[in-house]
C-alpha atoms as a PDB file:
ATOM      1  CA  MET A   1    -145.535 119.946 102.399  1.00  0.00           C
ATOM      2  CA  SER A   2    -143.015 120.148 104.994  1.00  0.00           C
ATOM      3  CA  LEU A   3    -140.159 122.916 105.055  1.00  0.00           C
ATOM      4  CA  LEU A   4    -138.029 121.437 108.296  1.00  0.00           C
ATOM      5  CA  ASN A   5    -138.294 118.201 109.776  1.00  0.00           C
ATOM      6  CA  TYR A   6    -136.453 118.517 112.658  1.00  0.00           C
ATOM      7  CA  GLY A   7    -137.374 119.736 116.210  1.00  0.00           C
ATOM      8  CA  SER A   8    -134.883 123.225 116.492  1.00  0.00           C
ATOM      9  CA  MET A   9    -133.940 125.808 113.958  1.00  0.00           C
ATOM     10  CA  LYS A  10    -130.296 127.200 114.246  1.00  0.00           C
ATOM     11  CA  GLY A  11    -130.000 130.890 113.086  1.00  0.00           C
ATOM     12  CA  ALA A  12    -131.873 133.370 110.472  1.00  0.00           C
ATOM     13  CA  ALA A  13    -131.776 130.823 107.691  1.00  0.00           C
ATOM     14  CA  PHE A  14    -135.141 131.346 106.822  1.00  0.00           C
ATOM     15  CA  ALA A  15    -135.416 134.966 107.104  1.00  0.00           C
ATOM     16  CA  TYR A  16    -136.913 136.489 104.345  1.00  0.00           C
ATOM     17  CA  LEU A  17    -137.446 132.982 102.390  1.00  0.00           C
ATOM     18  CA  PHE A  18    -140.756 134.033 100.922  1.00  0.00           C
ATOM     19  CA  ASN A  19    -140.486 137.593 101.003  1.00  0.00           C
ATOM     20  CA  GLY A  20    -142.641 139.410  97.990  1.00  0.00           C
ATOM     21  CA  CYS A  21    -143.839 135.735  96.949  1.00  0.00           C
ATOM     22  CA  ASP A  22    -146.976 136.934  95.363  1.00  0.00           C
ATOM     23  CA  SER A  23    -148.244 133.503  94.060  1.00  0.00           C
ATOM     24  CA  LEU A  24    -148.144 131.518  97.479  1.00  0.00           C
ATOM     25  CA  THR A  25    -151.481 130.869  98.840  1.00  0.00           C
ATOM     26  CA  THR A  26    -150.635 128.283 101.539  1.00  0.00           C
ATOM     27  CA  ALA A  27    -147.695 128.407 103.634  1.00  0.00           C
ATOM     28  CA  PRO A  28    -145.718 125.253 104.301  1.00  0.00           C
ATOM     29  CA  GLU A  29    -145.675 123.499 107.476  1.00  0.00           C
ATOM     30  CA  LEU A  30    -142.954 124.674 109.928  1.00  0.00           C
ATOM     31  CA  PRO A  31    -142.734 122.081 112.507  1.00  0.00           C
ATOM     32  CA  ALA A  32    -139.950 123.373 114.421  1.00  0.00           C
ATOM     33  CA  THR A  33    -140.663 123.375 118.176  1.00  0.00           C
ATOM     34  CA  VAL A  34    -137.442 125.506 119.201  1.00  0.00           C
ATOM     35  CA  LEU A  35    -136.668 128.720 117.178  1.00  0.00           C
ATOM     36  CA  ALA A  36    -133.477 130.740 116.360  1.00  0.00           C
ATOM     37  CA  SER A  37    -133.231 134.248 116.648  1.00  0.00           C
ATOM     38  CA  SER A  38    -134.258 135.538 113.953  1.00  0.00           C
ATOM     39  CA  CYS A  39    -134.949 132.754 112.255  1.00  0.00           C
ATOM     40  CA  TYR A  40    -138.436 133.208 110.778  1.00  0.00           C
ATOM     41  CA  PHE A  41    -137.763 137.036 110.610  1.00  0.00           C
ATOM     42  CA  ALA A  42    -139.975 138.706 107.415  1.00  0.00           C
ATOM     43  CA  MET A  43    -139.996 134.867 106.190  1.00  0.00           C
ATOM     44  CA  PHE A  44    -143.663 135.627 104.535  1.00  0.00           C
ATOM     45  CA  ARG A  45    -143.518 139.524 104.227  1.00  0.00           C
ATOM     46  CA  THR A  46    -145.563 140.991 101.425  1.00  0.00           C
ATOM     47  CA  CYS A  47    -147.352 137.570  99.965  1.00  0.00           C
ATOM     48  CA  THR A  48    -150.299 139.363  99.413  1.00  0.00           C
ATOM     49  CA  SER A  49    -151.965 136.415  98.191  1.00  0.00           C
ATOM     50  CA  LEU A  50    -151.189 134.029 101.168  1.00  0.00           C
ATOM     51  CA  ILE A  51    -154.540 133.199 102.894  1.00  0.00           C
ATOM     52  CA  VAL A  52    -153.090 130.199 105.047  1.00  0.00           C
ATOM     53  CA  ALA A  53    -150.315 130.809 107.555  1.00  0.00           C
ATOM     54  CA  PRO A  54    -148.775 127.869 109.182  1.00  0.00           C
ATOM     55  CA  VAL A  55    -149.658 126.502 112.328  1.00  0.00           C
ATOM     56  CA  LEU A  56    -146.566 127.973 115.034  1.00  0.00           C
ATOM     57  CA  PRO A  57    -146.091 124.957 116.875  1.00  0.00           C
ATOM     58  CA  ALA A  58    -142.830 126.419 118.575  1.00  0.00           C
ATOM     59  CA  SER A  59    -142.787 126.494 122.583  1.00  0.00           C
ATOM     60  CA  VAL A  60    -138.966 127.937 123.009  1.00  0.00           C
ATOM     61  CA  LEU A  61    -138.517 131.137 121.298  1.00  0.00           C
ATOM     62  CA  TYR A  62    -135.675 133.743 120.811  1.00  0.00           C
ATOM     63  CA  ASN A  63    -135.476 137.301 120.269  1.00  0.00           C
ATOM     64  CA  ASN A  64    -136.931 138.225 116.795  1.00  0.00           C
ATOM     65  CA  CYS A  65    -137.687 134.978 115.503  1.00  0.00           C
ATOM     66  CA  TYR A  66    -141.288 135.819 114.244  1.00  0.00           C
ATOM     67  CA  GLN A  67    -140.937 139.259 113.675  1.00  0.00           C
ATOM     68  CA  SER A  68    -142.395 140.870 110.595  1.00  0.00           C
ATOM     69  CA  MET A  69    -143.095 137.290 109.335  1.00  0.00           C
ATOM     70  CA  PHE A  70    -146.427 137.990 107.994  1.00  0.00           C
ATOM     71  CA  ARG A  71    -146.298 141.913 107.414  1.00  0.00           C
ATOM     72  CA  GLY A  72    -147.787 143.153 104.613  1.00  0.00           C
ATOM     73  CA  CYS A  73    -149.909 139.741 104.128  1.00  0.00           C
ATOM     74  CA  THR A  74    -153.154 141.470 103.115  1.00  0.00           C
ATOM     75  CA  SER A  75    -155.121 138.889 102.453  1.00  0.00           C
ATOM     76  CA  LEU A  76    -154.076 136.496 105.512  1.00  0.00           C
ATOM     77  CA  THR A  77    -157.504 136.378 107.677  1.00  0.00           C
ATOM     78  CA  ALA A  78    -156.383 134.651 110.557  1.00  0.00           C
ATOM     79  CA  VAL A  79    -153.034 133.108 112.633  1.00  0.00           C
ATOM     80  CA  PRO A  80    -153.409 129.996 113.637  1.00  0.00           C
ATOM     81  CA  LEU A  81    -152.155 128.940 117.600  1.00  0.00           C
ATOM     82  CA  LEU A  82    -149.208 130.605 118.436  1.00  0.00           C
ATOM     83  CA  PHE A  83    -148.391 127.892 120.975  1.00  0.00           C
ATOM     84  CA  ALA A  84    -145.444 129.334 122.953  1.00  0.00           C
ATOM     85  CA  LYS A  85    -146.457 130.139 126.377  1.00  0.00           C
ATOM     86  CA  ALA A  86    -143.862 132.866 127.126  1.00  0.00           C
ATOM     87  CA  LEU A  87    -142.265 135.967 125.041  1.00  0.00           C
ATOM     88  CA  VAL A  88    -138.980 137.265 124.441  1.00  0.00           C
ATOM     89  CA  LYS A  89    -137.504 140.399 123.083  1.00  0.00           C
ATOM     90  CA  GLY A  90    -138.788 141.362 119.972  1.00  0.00           C
ATOM     91  CA  CYS A  91    -140.247 137.918 118.778  1.00  0.00           C
ATOM     92  CA  CYS A  92    -143.499 139.123 117.704  1.00  0.00           C
ATOM     93  CA  ALA A  93    -142.990 142.622 116.745  1.00  0.00           C
ATOM     94  CA  TYR A  94    -144.555 143.913 113.651  1.00  0.00           C
ATOM     95  CA  MET A  95    -145.372 140.395 113.139  1.00  0.00           C
ATOM     96  CA  CYS A  96    -149.091 141.039 111.193  1.00  0.00           C
ATOM     97  CA  TYR A  97    -148.235 144.785 110.711  1.00  0.00           C
ATOM     98  CA  SER A  98    -150.254 145.618 107.668  1.00  0.00           C
ATOM     99  CA  CYS A  99    -152.523 142.237 107.326  1.00  0.00           C
ATOM    100  CA  THR A 100    -155.215 144.216 106.093  1.00  0.00           C
ATOM    101  CA  SER A 101    -157.896 141.576 106.398  1.00  0.00           C
ATOM    102  CA  LEU A 102    -156.589 139.900 109.648  1.00  0.00           C
ATOM    103  CA  ASN A 103    -159.643 139.279 112.158  1.00  0.00           C
ATOM    104  CA  ALA A 104    -158.679 136.219 113.991  1.00  0.00           C
ATOM    105  CA  VAL A 105    -155.672 135.482 116.350  1.00  0.00           C
ATOM    106  CA  THR A 106    -155.208 132.714 118.828  1.00  0.00           C
ATOM    107  CA  VAL A 107    -152.691 132.834 121.572  1.00  0.00           C
ATOM    108  CA  ALA A 108    -151.170 130.557 124.348  1.00  0.00           C
ATOM    109  CA  PHE A 109    -149.336 132.940 126.467  1.00  0.00           C
ATOM    110  CA  ASP A 110    -150.816 134.098 129.219  1.00  0.00           C
ATOM    111  CA  THR A 111    -148.872 137.299 130.054  1.00  0.00           C
ATOM    112  CA  TRP A 112    -147.870 140.632 128.329  1.00  0.00           C
ATOM    113  CA  GLU A 113    -143.950 140.851 128.273  1.00  0.00           C
ATOM    114  CA  ASP A 114    -142.501 144.377 127.401  1.00  0.00           C
ATOM    115  CA  ASN A 115    -140.860 144.692 123.665  1.00  0.00           C
ATOM    116  CA  THR A 116    -142.255 141.640 122.552  1.00  0.00           C
ATOM    117  CA  THR A 117    -145.569 142.328 120.787  1.00  0.00           C
ATOM    118  CA  THR A 118    -144.117 145.769 119.779  1.00  0.00           C
ATOM    119  CA  SER A 119    -147.543 146.817 116.647  1.00  0.00           C
ATOM    120  CA  TRP A 120    -147.781 143.463 115.938  1.00  0.00           C
ATOM    121  CA  LEU A 121    -151.410 144.199 115.156  1.00  0.00           C
ATOM    122  CA  SER A 122    -151.265 147.364 113.569  1.00  0.00           C
ATOM    123  CA  THR A 123    -153.533 147.940 110.564  1.00  0.00           C
ATOM    124  CA  VAL A 124    -155.465 144.915 110.837  1.00  0.00           C
ATOM    125  CA  ALA A 125    -159.194 144.434 110.619  1.00  0.00           C
ATOM    126  CA  ALA A 126    -161.092 146.721 112.457  1.00  0.00           C
ATOM    127  CA  SER A 127    -162.853 143.728 113.935  1.00  0.00           C
ATOM    128  CA  GLY A 128    -161.811 140.521 114.901  1.00  0.00           C
ATOM    129  CA  THR A 129    -161.596 137.827 117.496  1.00  0.00           C
ATOM    130  CA  PHE A 130    -158.543 137.389 119.930  1.00  0.00           C
ATOM    131  CA  THR A 131    -158.639 134.229 121.289  1.00  0.00           C
ATOM    132  CA  CYS A 132    -156.799 133.601 124.522  1.00  0.00           C
ATOM    133  CA  PRO A 133    -155.888 131.881 127.851  1.00  0.00           C
ATOM    134  CA  TYR A 134    -157.983 132.960 131.013  1.00  0.00           C
ATOM    135  CA  GLY A 135    -155.311 134.839 132.622  1.00  0.00           C
ATOM    136  CA  LEU A 136    -153.855 137.203 130.026  1.00  0.00           C
ATOM    137  CA  SER A 137    -154.745 140.578 130.722  1.00  0.00           C
ATOM    138  CA  ASP A 138    -157.284 142.810 127.977  1.00  0.00           C
ATOM    139  CA  GLU A 139    -157.116 145.974 129.858  1.00  0.00           C
ATOM    140  CA  VAL A 140    -154.388 147.474 126.798  1.00  0.00           C
ATOM    141  CA  ARG A 141    -156.238 147.775 123.707  1.00  0.00           C
ATOM    142  CA  ASP A 142    -153.663 148.848 121.266  1.00  0.00           C
ATOM    143  CA  THR A 143    -151.986 147.639 118.020  1.00  0.00           C
ATOM    144  CA  SER A 144    -149.138 146.406 120.548  1.00  0.00           C
ATOM    145  CA  HIS A 145    -151.607 143.905 122.826  1.00  0.00           C
ATOM    146  CA  ILE A 146    -155.259 143.713 121.168  1.00  0.00           C
ATOM    147  CA  PRO A 147    -156.606 145.711 119.160  1.00  0.00           C
ATOM    148  CA  SER A 148    -159.312 147.880 120.211  1.00  0.00           C
ATOM    149  CA  GLY A 149    -162.573 146.643 117.851  1.00  0.00           C
ATOM    150  CA  TRP A 150    -161.685 143.075 118.488  1.00  0.00           C
ATOM    151  CA  THR A 151    -163.737 140.580 120.773  1.00  0.00           C
ATOM    152  CA  VAL A 152    -161.514 138.484 123.439  1.00  0.00           C
ATOM    153  CA  VAL A 153    -162.645 135.139 123.825  1.00  0.00           C
ATOM    154  CA  ARG A 154    -161.027 133.159 126.763  1.00  0.00           C
ATOM    155  CA  VAL A 155    -160.149 129.443 126.596  1.00  0.00           C
END
């Protein structure tokens, strides 16, 4: 199922779209490659039955675009590759906050930027796998970077 069939987003039209949808187990396809500010803000927030997250192919992000996107999705175990190679203010803040079953995240960015991933992996599984490019620092282990009990895999 495709939610969008064009290459870029405009505005926050999809913010809170599925918020609280307890029956959703598989997210729809989200093929946009350019995201507007706040466009997917809290889109799947508290979808407690969500097991399969959509691929996130966007390479151009704007402020707060993925903020709180999966917050409270307690059945979610993995987030597919986050394609963006550069992060912007608030883009991934609280993205997977309280995804208590989450144990796998894959990213393409190779630099941590201030105020981009605030508490994004807070209250996730105690152990998991964080897959990232060789250049991404894993020195800071906290909920705004890589959780302390997770293994880092370099690709």
